[in-house]
Amino acid sequence: MSGSSFTILIVDGRPDSLARLSDLLMPHYQVVAADSAAAALRIAALEPRPQLLLIDGALPHGQAHELLARLRVDPATATIPIVYIADSAEEELQAFEAGAADCLLKPLAAPVVQARLRAQATLHQARQVLHQHDAWLEAQVARRLAEDEAIQAASIRALAYVAENRDAKTGNHLLRIQGYIGELAHCLAHRPKFRDLLSRRYIEMMVRSSPLYDIGKVSIPDAILQKPGRLTPEEWEIIKTHATLGAKAIERAERDAHCPADFLVLAKEIARWHHEKWDGSGYPDGLVGDAIPLPARLMAISDVFDAMISNRAYKPAMAYEKARGVIAARRGRHFDPDVADAFDSCFDRMVTIAERYQDEAEHALRLGFPSTERFGGARPDHLAI
């Protein structure tokens, strides 16, 4: 190993001994010398740090043991190997117990010193190779995970578009829904009641899976799904089946997966229960209060808000503030009070998301241009299907 690739800091209080060790090692290593523990600590703290310390136990006033202890407790120097030069077997044992990587017993023999230090230099080189390999593996794993997550997100979005296009909605609707869900979740994450559940990873999975919430609509006949006027009671019952149909489709995908996928669990919860209501009057299972999974409660408000402020074949878009009032009025009945309060507190950011991903037709309508839509009567007892 060349001198430029491995630096040894020799710590010895005797100039003659320091000179002999330096002469012995300089042909093979880069050598730095210190004549006291204080000087050694200063040098070891500098970048680039030495790769090894060779400490003579004969430093005055017990400095050698103090130096060894301080080097081991400092995170910046704790991993630097130390070879300790001992006067006795007892001192050698104490040095090993204090954290020395190796010991040399006096009197020193040059071949033994060279062999021991060469072994430490080889170990250092091996550690460097392993570290570089680990870093490369971590980079490869991170790249593969990023690719997998991108493919996963694209697949979810593609499946969701199938359902949205049949319901005369646009891709921007999905972007808005994801934005609303994420904003509400981040707002709730600061509250003690939700802090443990709403980790960053959980929120990311929930946002990613949320576009699948209406995937069950692919099974609803077009004549009902795209009907511009009022639905009959029979048609309304058929529409309501989209929640369970979507959950069952995701459950089948979950069973077919080669490994568990947490995002599918959240997608299934959202698909099945996003039409449940806080007071138990929703569908398909009539769940009450906290029995409704939190992701579904977040989607309930997000979907209704977007439905109210968007043009539909059966209604015009509602003003933002009016939609805000409707949600406030349904707090504790349709919507979880905590989620409704979070919606109100981050309302301006919700509007920003709505504006950022606004559809062209809705943008024109809000600017005062006439709409090309013809609106039929409002559908019974719901704002979002």
Protein backbone atom coordinates (compact mmCIF):
# COMPACT_ATOMS: atom_id res chain seq x y z
CA MET A 1 0.00 0.00 0.00
CA SER A 2 1.45 3.37 -1.02
CA GLY A 3 2.32 6.07 1.52
CA SER A 4 -0.27 8.49 0.11
CA SER A 5 -3.16 6.08 0.71
CA PHE A 6 -2.71 5.31 4.41
CA THR A 7 -1.81 7.84 7.11
CA ILE A 8 -0.48 6.82 10.51
CA LEU A 9 -0.39 9.23 13.44
CA ILE A 10 2.45 8.27 15.81
CA VAL A 11 2.03 9.49 19.38
CA ASP A 12 5.21 9.25 21.44
CA GLY A 13 6.60 11.66 24.03
CA ARG A 14 10.24 10.68 23.45
CA PRO A 15 11.86 12.38 20.44
CA ASP A 16 14.34 9.55 19.78
CA SER A 17 11.63 6.89 19.83
CA LEU A 18 9.36 9.07 17.68
CA ALA A 19 12.18 9.49 15.14
CA ARG A 20 12.92 5.73 15.00
CA LEU A 21 9.28 4.82 14.42
CA SER A 22 8.90 7.53 11.78
CA ASP A 23 12.00 6.31 9.91
CA LEU A 24 10.69 2.74 10.03
CA LEU A 25 7.27 3.60 8.63
CA MET A 26 7.87 6.49 6.22
CA PRO A 27 8.96 4.31 3.28
CA HIS A 28 5.54 2.60 3.36
CA TYR A 29 3.03 5.06 4.83
CA GLN A 30 2.30 8.73 5.22
CA VAL A 31 3.42 9.53 8.76
CA VAL A 32 2.30 12.32 11.09
CA ALA A 33 3.86 12.75 14.53
CA ALA A 34 2.59 14.07 17.88
CA ASP A 35 4.56 14.29 21.12
CA SER A 36 1.58 14.58 23.49
CA ALA A 37 -2.02 13.49 23.92
CA ALA A 38 -3.25 17.06 23.38
CA ALA A 39 -1.39 17.35 20.08
CA ALA A 40 -2.70 13.95 18.99
CA LEU A 41 -6.31 14.99 19.68
CA ARG A 42 -5.88 18.17 17.64
CA ILE A 43 -4.41 16.28 14.68
CA ALA A 44 -7.01 13.51 14.84
CA ALA A 45 -9.77 16.13 14.67
CA LEU A 46 -8.46 17.55 11.37
CA GLU A 47 -9.60 16.48 7.92
CA PRO A 48 -8.47 14.27 6.38
CA ARG A 49 -8.21 12.17 9.52
CA PRO A 50 -5.43 9.61 9.98
CA GLN A 51 -6.35 6.03 9.17
CA LEU A 52 -4.51 4.63 12.20
CA LEU A 53 -2.99 5.81 15.48
CA LEU A 54 0.16 4.24 16.92
CA ILE A 55 0.25 5.23 20.60
CA ASP A 56 3.17 4.57 22.92
CA GLY A 57 1.89 3.69 26.39
CA ALA A 58 4.92 5.41 27.93
CA LEU A 59 3.41 8.87 27.47
CA PRO A 60 3.86 10.74 30.81
CA HIS A 61 1.17 11.14 33.49
CA GLY A 62 -1.10 8.40 32.13
CA GLN A 63 -1.78 10.36 28.94
CA ALA A 64 -1.86 7.23 26.80
CA HIS A 65 -4.87 5.67 28.54
CA GLU A 66 -6.68 9.03 28.67
CA LEU A 67 -6.01 9.57 24.97
CA LEU A 68 -7.31 6.10 24.12
CA ALA A 69 -10.48 6.69 26.13
CA ARG A 70 -11.17 10.10 24.57
CA LEU A 71 -10.61 8.82 21.05
CA ARG A 72 -13.07 5.98 21.62
CA VAL A 73 -15.91 8.14 23.01
CA ASP A 74 -15.68 10.84 20.31
CA PRO A 75 -17.90 9.81 17.34
CA ALA A 76 -15.49 11.58 14.96
CA THR A 77 -12.56 9.33 15.99
CA ALA A 78 -14.26 6.28 17.47
CA THR A 79 -13.75 4.16 14.36
CA ILE A 80 -10.07 4.99 13.81
CA PRO A 81 -8.09 1.83 14.71
CA ILE A 82 -5.47 2.22 17.42
CA VAL A 83 -2.35 0.12 17.83
CA TYR A 84 -1.05 0.45 21.39
CA ILE A 85 2.60 -0.04 22.37
CA ALA A 86 2.67 -1.66 25.82
CA ASP A 87 5.41 -2.34 28.32
CA SER A 88 3.77 -5.45 29.82
CA ALA A 89 1.15 -8.10 29.21
CA GLU A 90 -1.03 -6.51 31.88
CA GLU A 91 -0.90 -3.13 30.11
CA GLU A 92 -1.59 -4.89 26.82
CA LEU A 93 -4.76 -6.43 28.29
CA GLN A 94 -5.88 -3.03 29.64
CA ALA A 95 -5.36 -1.48 26.21
CA PHE A 96 -7.48 -4.13 24.51
CA GLU A 97 -10.21 -3.65 27.10
CA ALA A 98 -10.11 0.11 26.45
CA GLY A 99 -10.69 -0.38 22.72
CA ALA A 100 -7.31 -0.82 21.05
CA ALA A 101 -7.43 -2.72 17.77
CA ASP A 102 -4.03 -4.31 18.33
CA CYS A 103 -1.05 -4.12 20.70
CA LEU A 104 2.72 -4.33 20.36
CA LEU A 105 4.87 -5.42 23.29
CA LYS A 106 8.26 -3.88 23.95
CA PRO A 107 10.96 -4.39 22.98
CA LEU A 108 9.73 -3.72 19.46
CA ALA A 109 10.95 -5.80 16.55
CA ALA A 110 10.79 -3.98 13.20
CA PRO A 111 9.39 -6.99 11.24
CA VAL A 112 6.62 -7.46 13.81
CA VAL A 113 5.72 -3.74 13.73
CA GLN A 114 5.61 -3.79 9.93
CA ALA A 115 3.51 -6.96 9.84
CA ARG A 116 0.97 -5.70 12.38
CA LEU A 117 0.58 -2.31 10.69
CA ARG A 118 0.38 -3.92 7.25
CA ALA A 119 -2.49 -6.06 8.55
CA GLN A 120 -4.30 -2.94 9.81
CA ALA A 121 -3.74 -1.18 6.47
CA THR A 122 -5.16 -4.20 4.63
CA LEU A 123 -8.21 -4.24 6.92
CA HIS A 124 -8.70 -0.53 6.25
CA GLN A 125 -8.58 -1.12 2.51
CA ALA A 126 -11.10 -3.96 2.84
CA ARG A 127 -13.43 -1.77 4.88
CA GLN A 128 -13.21 0.95 2.24
CA VAL A 129 -14.09 -1.52 -0.50
CA LEU A 130 -17.04 -2.83 1.53
CA HIS A 131 -18.20 0.71 2.27
CA GLN A 132 -18.09 1.64 -1.42
CA HIS A 133 -19.90 -1.58 -2.33
CA ASP A 134 -22.56 -0.91 0.31
CA ALA A 135 -23.00 2.64 -0.99
CA TRP A 136 -23.36 1.28 -4.54
CA LEU A 137 -25.91 -1.30 -3.38
CA GLU A 138 -27.89 1.35 -1.49
CA ALA A 139 -27.91 3.56 -4.58
CA GLN A 140 -29.09 0.63 -6.72
CA VAL A 141 -31.83 -0.27 -4.24
CA ALA A 142 -32.95 3.37 -4.03
CA ARG A 143 -33.03 3.62 -7.83
CA ARG A 144 -35.02 0.39 -8.12
CA LEU A 145 -37.46 1.48 -5.43
CA ALA A 146 -37.94 4.81 -7.18
CA GLU A 147 -38.58 3.01 -10.48
CA ASP A 148 -41.02 0.60 -8.83
CA GLU A 149 -42.89 3.45 -7.14
CA ALA A 150 -43.06 5.38 -10.42
CA ILE A 151 -44.44 2.30 -12.21
CA GLN A 152 -46.87 1.72 -9.34
CA ALA A 153 -48.09 5.33 -9.44
CA ALA A 154 -48.48 5.24 -13.23
CA SER A 155 -50.41 1.96 -13.07
CA ILE A 156 -52.75 3.32 -10.41
CA ARG A 157 -53.34 6.48 -12.42
CA ALA A 158 -53.99 4.50 -15.62
CA LEU A 159 -56.57 2.29 -13.90
CA ALA A 160 -58.21 5.29 -12.30
CA TYR A 161 -58.45 7.12 -15.62
CA VAL A 162 -60.58 4.27 -16.99
CA ALA A 163 -63.19 4.88 -14.31
CA GLU A 164 -62.93 8.67 -14.46
CA ASN A 165 -63.33 8.85 -18.23
CA ARG A 166 -66.52 6.82 -18.05
CA ASP A 167 -67.84 9.29 -15.47
CA ALA A 168 -67.11 12.31 -17.71
CA LYS A 169 -64.35 13.52 -15.40
CA THR A 170 -60.81 14.51 -16.30
CA GLY A 171 -57.32 13.58 -15.15
CA ASN A 172 -57.17 16.92 -13.35
CA HIS A 173 -59.87 15.64 -11.02
CA LEU A 174 -57.51 12.92 -9.81
CA LEU A 175 -54.71 15.43 -9.28
CA ARG A 176 -57.05 17.61 -7.24
CA ILE A 177 -58.23 14.65 -5.16
CA GLN A 178 -54.66 13.63 -4.40
CA GLY A 179 -53.83 17.21 -3.47
CA TYR A 180 -56.82 17.52 -1.13
CA ILE A 181 -56.09 14.19 0.58
CA GLY A 182 -52.45 15.10 1.13
CA GLU A 183 -53.26 18.58 2.44
CA LEU A 184 -55.87 17.33 4.89
CA ALA A 185 -53.59 14.54 6.11
CA HIS A 186 -50.67 16.90 6.72
CA CYS A 187 -52.99 19.26 8.60
CA LEU A 188 -54.29 16.45 10.82
CA ALA A 189 -50.80 15.00 11.38
CA HIS A 190 -50.00 17.90 13.71
CA ARG A 191 -52.83 16.90 16.06
CA PRO A 192 -52.03 14.43 18.88
CA LYS A 193 -54.99 12.21 18.00
CA PHE A 194 -53.64 11.47 14.51
CA ARG A 195 -49.87 11.96 14.91
CA ASP A 196 -48.99 8.28 15.36
CA LEU A 197 -50.98 7.10 12.36
CA LEU A 198 -50.24 9.86 9.88
CA SER A 199 -46.54 9.28 9.31
CA ARG A 200 -44.97 10.66 6.16
CA ARG A 201 -44.86 7.18 4.62
CA TYR A 202 -48.52 6.52 5.46
CA ILE A 203 -49.58 9.83 3.89
CA GLU A 204 -47.54 9.08 0.77
CA MET A 205 -49.21 5.66 0.36
CA MET A 206 -52.65 7.14 0.97
CA VAL A 207 -52.13 9.87 -1.62
CA ARG A 208 -50.75 7.37 -4.12
CA SER A 209 -53.64 4.93 -3.70
CA SER A 210 -56.43 7.52 -3.58
CA PRO A 211 -57.09 7.67 -7.38
CA LEU A 212 -58.51 4.14 -7.17
CA TYR A 213 -61.38 5.27 -4.95
CA ASP A 214 -63.99 5.09 -7.76
CA ILE A 215 -62.56 2.15 -9.69
CA GLY A 216 -65.82 0.26 -9.09
CA LYS A 217 -67.60 2.59 -11.53
CA VAL A 218 -66.20 0.58 -14.44
CA SER A 219 -68.92 -1.97 -13.62
CA ILE A 220 -71.78 0.55 -13.67
CA PRO A 221 -73.72 0.76 -16.96
CA ASP A 222 -73.08 3.94 -18.97
CA ALA A 223 -76.80 4.66 -19.23
CA ILE A 224 -76.89 5.12 -15.45
CA LEU A 225 -73.43 6.50 -14.80
CA GLN A 226 -73.70 9.20 -17.47
CA LYS A 227 -77.39 9.98 -17.08
CA PRO A 228 -77.75 13.79 -17.06
CA GLY A 229 -80.97 13.98 -15.07
CA ARG A 230 -82.32 12.51 -11.86
CA LEU A 231 -81.69 8.89 -11.06
CA THR A 232 -84.56 6.59 -10.21
CA PRO A 233 -84.39 4.82 -6.83
CA GLU A 234 -83.46 1.62 -8.66
CA GLU A 235 -80.67 3.37 -10.60
CA TRP A 236 -79.40 4.96 -7.40
CA GLU A 237 -79.10 1.52 -5.77
CA ILE A 238 -77.06 0.33 -8.76
CA ILE A 239 -74.79 3.40 -8.52
CA LYS A 240 -74.17 2.67 -4.85
CA THR A 241 -72.75 -0.76 -5.67
CA HIS A 242 -69.61 0.86 -7.10
CA ALA A 243 -68.13 1.10 -3.59
CA THR A 244 -68.23 -2.62 -2.87
CA LEU A 245 -67.38 -3.54 -6.47
CA GLY A 246 -64.26 -1.37 -6.32
CA ALA A 247 -63.17 -2.80 -2.98
CA LYS A 248 -63.63 -6.36 -4.24
CA ALA A 249 -61.60 -5.65 -7.38
CA ILE A 250 -58.74 -4.26 -5.28
CA GLU A 251 -59.03 -7.23 -2.91
CA ARG A 252 -58.59 -9.60 -5.84
CA ALA A 253 -55.49 -7.68 -6.93
CA GLU A 254 -54.25 -7.86 -3.35
CA ARG A 255 -54.66 -11.65 -3.28
CA ASP A 256 -52.86 -12.03 -6.60
CA ALA A 257 -49.88 -9.91 -5.52
CA HIS A 258 -46.68 -11.85 -4.89
CA CYS A 259 -45.98 -9.83 -1.74
CA PRO A 260 -48.13 -7.67 0.58
CA ALA A 261 -48.78 -4.15 -0.73
CA ASP A 262 -49.76 -1.66 1.96
CA PHE A 263 -51.07 0.84 -0.58
CA LEU A 264 -53.67 -1.71 -1.74
CA VAL A 265 -54.98 -1.99 1.82
CA LEU A 266 -55.51 1.77 1.90
CA ALA A 267 -56.97 1.79 -1.61
CA LYS A 268 -59.48 -0.87 -0.58
CA GLU A 269 -60.50 1.10 2.53
CA ILE A 270 -61.02 4.26 0.51
CA ALA A 271 -62.91 2.52 -2.31
CA ARG A 272 -65.33 0.71 -0.01
CA TRP A 273 -66.04 3.34 2.62
CA HIS A 274 -65.60 6.82 1.08
CA HIS A 275 -69.41 7.19 0.99
CA GLU A 276 -69.89 6.31 4.65
CA LYS A 277 -71.09 9.18 6.85
CA TRP A 278 -70.07 10.09 10.37
CA ASP A 279 -73.62 9.63 11.68
CA GLY A 280 -74.00 6.16 10.14
CA SER A 281 -76.33 7.14 7.31
CA GLY A 282 -73.86 6.40 4.51
CA TYR A 283 -73.24 3.31 2.43
CA PRO A 284 -72.44 0.46 1.85
CA ASP A 285 -72.07 -0.66 5.50
CA GLY A 286 -73.56 2.16 7.56
CA LEU A 287 -70.39 2.59 9.61
CA VAL A 288 -70.47 5.21 12.38
CA GLY A 289 -67.78 7.64 13.53
CA ASP A 290 -64.27 6.29 14.04
CA ALA A 291 -65.35 2.88 12.70
CA ILE A 292 -64.91 4.51 9.29
CA PRO A 293 -61.19 4.23 8.38
CA LEU A 294 -59.47 7.61 8.37
CA PRO A 295 -58.43 7.46 4.67
CA ALA A 296 -62.10 7.05 3.74
CA ARG A 297 -63.07 9.99 5.96
CA LEU A 298 -60.50 12.17 4.22
CA MET A 299 -61.76 11.06 0.82
CA ALA A 300 -65.37 11.78 1.81
CA ILE A 301 -64.67 15.47 2.25
CA SER A 302 -62.23 15.67 -0.67
CA ASP A 303 -64.64 14.06 -3.13
CA VAL A 304 -67.64 16.09 -2.02
CA PHE A 305 -65.70 19.35 -2.13
CA ASP A 306 -64.44 18.63 -5.64
CA ALA A 307 -67.90 17.59 -6.80
CA MET A 308 -69.43 20.80 -5.49
CA ILE A 309 -66.90 23.13 -7.14
CA SER A 310 -66.89 21.22 -10.46
CA ASN A 311 -69.27 21.26 -13.39
CA ARG A 312 -71.30 18.08 -13.79
CA ALA A 313 -73.87 17.07 -16.36
CA TYR A 314 -76.53 17.49 -13.67
CA LYS A 315 -75.32 20.74 -11.99
CA PRO A 316 -73.12 23.82 -12.36
CA ALA A 317 -69.99 24.46 -10.30
CA MET A 318 -70.54 25.95 -6.84
CA ALA A 319 -68.56 28.94 -5.50
CA TYR A 320 -65.72 27.98 -3.17
CA GLU A 321 -67.07 29.80 -0.14
CA LYS A 322 -70.51 28.29 -0.60
CA ALA A 323 -68.97 24.83 -0.74
CA ARG A 324 -67.08 25.65 2.44
CA GLY A 325 -70.36 26.49 4.14
CA VAL A 326 -72.00 23.24 3.01
CA ILE A 327 -69.15 21.19 4.48
CA ALA A 328 -69.28 23.17 7.73
CA ALA A 329 -73.04 22.55 7.94
CA ARG A 330 -72.49 18.79 7.54
CA ARG A 331 -69.81 18.62 10.24
CA GLY A 332 -70.66 15.84 12.66
CA ARG A 333 -73.36 14.41 10.39
CA HIS A 334 -71.77 13.60 7.05
CA PHE A 335 -68.17 14.42 7.95
CA ASP A 336 -65.79 13.60 10.78
CA PRO A 337 -65.67 16.79 12.92
CA ASP A 338 -61.86 16.68 13.09
CA VAL A 339 -61.54 16.34 9.33
CA ALA A 340 -64.12 19.08 8.75
CA ASP A 341 -62.18 21.38 11.10
CA ALA A 342 -58.94 20.55 9.28
CA PHE A 343 -60.64 21.35 5.97
CA ASP A 344 -61.76 24.72 7.30
CA SER A 345 -58.34 25.58 8.71
CA CYS A 346 -56.54 24.76 5.45
CA PHE A 347 -59.34 25.97 3.17
CA ASP A 348 -57.16 28.52 1.35
CA ARG A 349 -54.69 25.79 0.44
CA MET A 350 -57.52 23.55 -0.74
CA VAL A 351 -58.68 26.35 -3.06
CA THR A 352 -55.11 26.76 -4.30
CA ILE A 353 -55.05 23.06 -5.24
CA ALA A 354 -58.42 23.40 -6.97
CA GLU A 355 -57.18 26.39 -8.97
CA ARG A 356 -53.85 24.79 -9.83
CA TYR A 357 -55.50 21.74 -11.40
CA GLN A 358 -58.65 23.38 -12.69
CA ASP A 359 -60.23 21.99 -15.84
CA GLU A 360 -60.37 24.32 -18.83
CA ALA A 361 -64.16 24.43 -18.99
CA GLU A 362 -64.46 25.26 -15.30
CA HIS A 363 -61.74 27.89 -15.59
CA ALA A 364 -63.65 29.57 -18.42
CA LEU A 365 -66.88 29.46 -16.43
CA ARG A 366 -65.25 31.08 -13.39
CA LEU A 367 -63.89 33.82 -15.64
CA GLY A 368 -67.45 34.59 -16.78
CA PHE A 369 -67.60 32.85 -20.15
CA PRO A 370 -70.83 30.97 -20.96
CA SER A 371 -70.79 27.26 -20.27
CA THR A 372 -71.41 24.76 -23.04
CA GLU A 373 -72.88 22.31 -20.49
CA ARG A 374 -76.60 21.77 -20.03
CA PHE A 375 -77.44 20.93 -16.48
CA GLY A 376 -80.24 18.62 -15.47
CA GLY A 377 -81.84 18.32 -12.07
CA ALA A 378 -79.70 17.63 -8.99
CA ARG A 379 -79.43 14.02 -7.97
CA PRO A 380 -81.02 12.91 -4.69
CA ASP A 381 -79.25 13.08 -1.36
CA HIS A 382 -75.66 13.25 -2.53
CA LEU A 383 -73.06 15.60 -3.90
CA ALA A 384 -70.53 13.07 -5.11
CA ILE A 385 -71.08 9.61 -6.53
